[in-house]
Amino acid sequence: MNGWAYGLYCVTGLVFFYLITSACLRRHSDQVDDQASLIPFADDPVVARRVEQAIGRPVPAEAPEALLKA
């Protein structure tokens, strides 16, 4: 493969990656991003309450035992 073909191949890959990524991120809303950022606190109710007090928004928390029984 010569230099021009390889360069065109790389640029095409980057453009494709950019278009797919921007299309996927266009569907996201602020609410979805906020909920996803609270997931690490959801398995510890004590920490979830502290985070709720700090940010003023509810954190959906369940005890790990309740998750195992489901």
Protein backbone atom coordinates (compact mmCIF):
# COMPACT_ATOMS: atom_id res chain seq x y z
CA MET A 1 0.00 0.00 0.00
CA ASN A 2 1.50 3.33 -0.98
CA GLY A 3 1.63 6.43 1.20
CA TRP A 4 -1.41 8.20 -0.28
CA ALA A 5 -3.68 5.18 0.04
CA TYR A 6 -2.59 4.60 3.62
CA GLY A 7 -3.17 8.26 4.48
CA LEU A 8 -6.62 8.19 2.89
CA TYR A 9 -7.39 4.98 4.77
CA CYS A 10 -6.42 6.58 8.11
CA VAL A 11 -8.34 9.79 7.49
CA THR A 12 -11.42 7.80 6.45
CA GLY A 13 -11.20 5.81 9.68
CA LEU A 14 -10.95 8.96 11.79
CA VAL A 15 -13.91 10.58 10.01
CA PHE A 16 -15.97 7.42 10.48
CA PHE A 17 -15.07 7.26 14.18
CA TYR A 18 -15.98 10.94 14.64
CA LEU A 19 -19.35 10.56 12.88
CA ILE A 20 -20.34 7.44 14.83
CA THR A 21 -19.28 8.95 18.17
CA SER A 22 -21.11 12.22 17.55
CA ALA A 23 -24.25 10.34 16.47
CA CYS A 24 -24.21 8.28 19.67
CA LEU A 25 -23.59 11.26 21.93
CA ARG A 26 -26.34 13.30 20.26
CA ARG A 27 -28.95 10.97 21.82
CA HIS A 28 -27.76 11.58 25.38
CA SER A 29 -29.60 13.96 27.63
CA ASP A 30 -28.37 15.72 30.74
CA GLN A 31 -30.67 13.56 32.86
CA VAL A 32 -29.12 10.33 31.57
CA ASP A 33 -25.62 11.66 32.20
CA ASP A 34 -26.57 12.72 35.74
CA GLN A 35 -28.03 9.30 36.53
CA ALA A 36 -24.96 7.55 35.13
CA SER A 37 -22.67 9.67 37.28
CA LEU A 38 -24.54 8.54 40.42
CA ILE A 39 -24.24 4.80 39.73
CA PRO A 40 -21.03 4.35 41.80
CA PHE A 41 -22.92 5.46 44.94
CA ALA A 42 -26.03 3.33 44.40
CA ASP A 43 -24.82 0.20 46.21
CA ASP A 44 -24.00 1.92 49.51
CA PRO A 45 -27.03 3.60 51.17
CA VAL A 46 -24.91 5.52 53.69
CA VAL A 47 -22.73 7.05 51.00
CA ALA A 48 -25.80 7.66 48.84
CA ARG A 49 -27.40 9.72 51.64
CA ARG A 50 -24.22 11.79 52.02
CA VAL A 51 -24.10 12.42 48.28
CA GLU A 52 -27.81 13.38 48.30
CA GLN A 53 -27.14 15.92 51.04
CA ALA A 54 -24.11 17.29 49.20
CA ILE A 55 -25.69 17.70 45.76
CA GLY A 56 -29.36 18.11 46.69
CA ARG A 57 -30.62 15.42 44.30
CA PRO A 58 -31.86 11.92 45.07
CA VAL A 59 -29.52 9.00 44.54
CA PRO A 60 -31.31 5.71 43.82
CA ALA A 61 -29.65 3.39 46.34
CA GLU A 62 -30.23 -0.23 47.29
CA ALA A 63 -28.38 -2.30 49.80
CA PRO A 64 -26.21 -5.00 48.19
CA GLU A 65 -28.17 -7.75 50.00
CA ALA A 66 -31.39 -6.57 48.35
CA LEU A 67 -29.75 -6.77 44.96
CA LEU A 68 -28.59 -10.34 45.55
CA LYS A 69 -32.09 -11.53 46.53
CA ALA A 70 -33.71 -10.17 43.35
